[in-house]
Amino acid sequence: MIAAFGCCGAYKENYCCIMTFAGILIIIFICEMAAGIAGFIYKDKVDTQISDLMKETITDRKALEDWDKVQKEFHCCGVNSSSDWDKNGTKAFPDSCCSDGGKATTCITYDVGCYTELKDFVKDKIVVIGGIGVGFAVIQIIGILFACCLGRAVKKEYEVV
């Protein structure tokens, strides 16, 4: 819908549509910057909330399938260790905690918790995520500049005529 303002404005050489498009891009850019800054400022709270959410879902039977996927993918067990599974009511950890591929009753569990592995994974990817964000920001700024230049050219053309 936002792109429609830009396309229609450019096609019809409508100053109002072009400047509306530029204004909306500016608002979106400001919101994205605010979200990025807030994420940076509150990153420690996010860590705590993720840990709390993981501790909460470990007792939820509906989340067991998701836990299995995470534990297999990251080679980890529980939130901080395999002892976290003691809190799930069955006092047993799932087969996905087994580092040797055995069954939960006779296996060697992963010695690292999934919270640490997940946090390390995100930290490793944060540079890429940040780079993508900066790339989008640059593209948006270029779009804003082009829209403003086009709007100015359209306005000048009508003033001359």
Protein backbone atom coordinates (compact mmCIF):
# COMPACT_ATOMS: atom_id res chain seq x y z
CA MET A 1 0.00 0.00 0.00
CA ILE A 2 2.83 2.36 0.85
CA ALA A 3 4.55 1.53 -2.43
CA ALA A 4 1.29 2.40 -4.22
CA PHE A 5 1.63 6.01 -3.03
CA GLY A 6 5.12 6.16 -4.48
CA CYS A 7 4.24 4.43 -7.76
CA CYS A 8 1.02 6.37 -8.34
CA GLY A 9 2.67 9.62 -7.36
CA ALA A 10 5.58 9.04 -9.73
CA TYR A 11 3.38 7.82 -12.59
CA LYS A 12 0.86 10.66 -12.30
CA GLU A 13 3.52 13.16 -11.25
CA ASN A 14 1.42 13.99 -8.21
CA TYR A 15 3.42 16.03 -5.69
CA CYS A 16 1.06 15.20 -2.80
CA CYS A 17 1.32 11.42 -3.30
CA ILE A 18 5.10 11.55 -3.68
CA MET A 19 5.55 13.60 -0.51
CA THR A 20 3.08 11.37 1.38
CA PHE A 21 5.19 8.40 0.32
CA ALA A 22 8.37 10.15 1.51
CA GLY A 23 6.68 11.08 4.80
CA ILE A 24 5.56 7.50 5.43
CA LEU A 25 9.09 6.24 4.68
CA ILE A 26 10.48 8.76 7.18
CA ILE A 27 8.00 7.60 9.86
CA ILE A 28 8.87 3.93 9.22
CA PHE A 29 12.59 4.75 9.36
CA ILE A 30 12.18 6.57 12.69
CA CYS A 31 10.17 3.65 14.13
CA GLU A 32 12.82 1.16 13.02
CA MET A 33 15.57 3.26 14.56
CA ALA A 34 13.59 3.56 17.81
CA ALA A 35 13.05 -0.21 17.91
CA GLY A 36 16.76 -0.83 17.30
CA ILE A 37 17.79 1.60 20.03
CA ALA A 38 15.24 0.15 22.47
CA GLY A 39 16.49 -3.36 21.69
CA PHE A 40 20.06 -2.30 22.42
CA ILE A 41 19.10 -0.51 25.65
CA TYR A 42 16.89 -3.33 26.96
CA LYS A 43 18.98 -6.29 25.75
CA ASP A 44 19.69 -7.42 29.34
CA LYS A 45 15.97 -7.50 30.15
CA VAL A 46 15.38 -9.53 26.99
CA ASP A 47 17.98 -12.07 28.18
CA THR A 48 16.16 -12.41 31.50
CA GLN A 49 12.76 -12.71 29.83
CA ILE A 50 14.00 -15.40 27.45
CA SER A 51 15.45 -17.35 30.36
CA ASP A 52 12.20 -17.00 32.33
CA LEU A 53 10.13 -18.06 29.32
CA MET A 54 12.32 -21.11 28.78
CA LYS A 55 11.98 -22.08 32.45
CA GLU A 56 8.22 -21.66 32.19
CA THR A 57 7.82 -23.74 29.01
CA ILE A 58 9.94 -26.62 30.24
CA THR A 59 6.98 -27.66 32.40
CA ASP A 60 4.48 -27.27 29.53
CA ARG A 61 3.70 -30.57 27.79
CA LYS A 62 2.59 -28.69 24.66
CA ALA A 63 6.11 -27.29 24.27
CA LEU A 64 7.92 -30.66 24.43
CA GLU A 65 8.12 -30.98 20.65
CA ASP A 66 9.72 -27.54 20.42
CA TRP A 67 12.14 -28.40 23.20
CA ASP A 68 13.12 -31.58 21.34
CA LYS A 69 13.90 -29.55 18.21
CA VAL A 70 15.98 -27.00 20.14
CA GLN A 71 17.89 -29.66 22.10
CA LYS A 72 18.69 -31.65 18.95
CA GLU A 73 19.68 -28.55 16.95
CA PHE A 74 21.89 -26.96 19.63
CA HIS A 75 23.13 -30.16 21.35
CA CYS A 76 21.93 -29.00 24.76
CA CYS A 77 19.65 -30.13 27.56
CA GLY A 78 17.22 -28.11 29.67
CA VAL A 79 17.45 -24.39 30.28
CA ASN A 80 20.70 -24.40 32.27
CA SER A 81 21.28 -28.16 32.61
CA SER A 82 19.52 -31.52 32.42
CA SER A 83 18.38 -31.08 36.05
CA ASP A 84 15.86 -28.49 34.80
CA TRP A 85 13.76 -31.40 33.57
CA ASP A 86 13.21 -32.43 37.22
CA LYS A 87 10.68 -29.58 37.37
CA ASN A 88 8.44 -30.92 34.59
CA GLY A 89 6.53 -33.32 36.81
CA THR A 90 7.87 -36.56 35.31
CA LYS A 91 11.38 -36.05 36.75
CA ALA A 92 12.74 -37.40 33.47
CA PHE A 93 14.44 -35.67 30.57
CA PRO A 94 13.54 -36.42 26.94
CA ASP A 95 15.61 -38.54 24.54
CA SER A 96 16.69 -35.36 22.75
CA CYS A 97 18.95 -34.63 25.77
CA CYS A 98 21.09 -37.66 24.98
CA SER A 99 24.46 -36.80 23.46
CA ASP A 100 25.15 -40.42 22.53
CA GLY A 101 21.80 -40.98 20.79
CA GLY A 102 20.59 -43.41 23.45
CA LYS A 103 17.37 -43.49 25.39
CA ALA A 104 16.84 -41.10 28.29
CA THR A 105 17.10 -43.87 30.88
CA THR A 106 20.58 -45.02 29.85
CA CYS A 107 22.29 -42.14 28.07
CA ILE A 108 24.88 -39.45 28.57
CA THR A 109 23.17 -36.06 28.54
CA TYR A 110 24.47 -32.89 26.98
CA ASP A 111 26.29 -30.99 29.71
CA VAL A 112 25.31 -27.51 28.55
CA GLY A 113 21.95 -25.80 28.89
CA CYS A 114 19.97 -24.54 25.90
CA TYR A 115 19.79 -20.98 27.21
CA THR A 116 23.56 -20.57 26.90
CA GLU A 117 23.62 -22.19 23.46
CA LEU A 118 20.71 -20.10 22.19
CA LYS A 119 22.24 -16.90 23.58
CA ASP A 120 25.61 -17.71 21.95
CA PHE A 121 23.87 -18.45 18.65
CA VAL A 122 22.10 -15.08 18.68
CA LYS A 123 25.32 -13.27 19.68
CA ASP A 124 27.13 -14.91 16.76
CA LYS A 125 24.39 -13.80 14.36
CA ILE A 126 23.87 -10.30 15.79
CA VAL A 127 26.53 -8.77 13.53
CA VAL A 128 24.77 -10.20 10.47
CA ILE A 129 21.38 -9.05 11.76
CA GLY A 130 22.78 -5.59 12.46
CA GLY A 131 24.38 -5.44 9.01
CA ILE A 132 21.10 -6.35 7.35
CA GLY A 133 19.36 -3.66 9.41
CA VAL A 134 21.92 -1.04 8.37
CA GLY A 135 21.54 -2.15 4.75
CA PHE A 136 17.77 -1.67 4.91
CA ALA A 137 18.24 1.72 6.57
CA VAL A 138 20.56 2.88 3.78
CA ILE A 139 18.08 1.71 1.14
CA GLN A 140 15.27 3.55 2.95
CA ILE A 141 17.30 6.75 3.16
CA ILE A 142 18.04 6.53 -0.57
CA GLY A 143 14.31 5.97 -1.21
CA ILE A 144 13.43 9.00 0.91
CA LEU A 145 15.99 11.17 -0.91
CA PHE A 146 14.78 10.03 -4.34
CA ALA A 147 11.15 10.65 -3.37
CA CYS A 148 11.98 14.15 -2.12
CA CYS A 149 14.01 14.93 -5.27
CA LEU A 150 11.19 13.67 -7.48
CA GLY A 151 8.64 15.67 -5.50
CA ARG A 152 10.76 18.79 -5.81
CA ALA A 153 11.20 18.26 -9.57
CA VAL A 154 7.45 17.76 -10.04
CA LYS A 155 6.69 20.89 -8.03
CA LYS A 156 9.25 22.93 -10.02
CA GLU A 157 7.82 21.66 -13.31
CA TYR A 158 4.33 22.81 -12.34
CA GLU A 159 5.63 26.18 -11.16
CA VAL A 160 7.32 26.78 -14.54
CA VAL A 161 4.17 25.91 -16.50
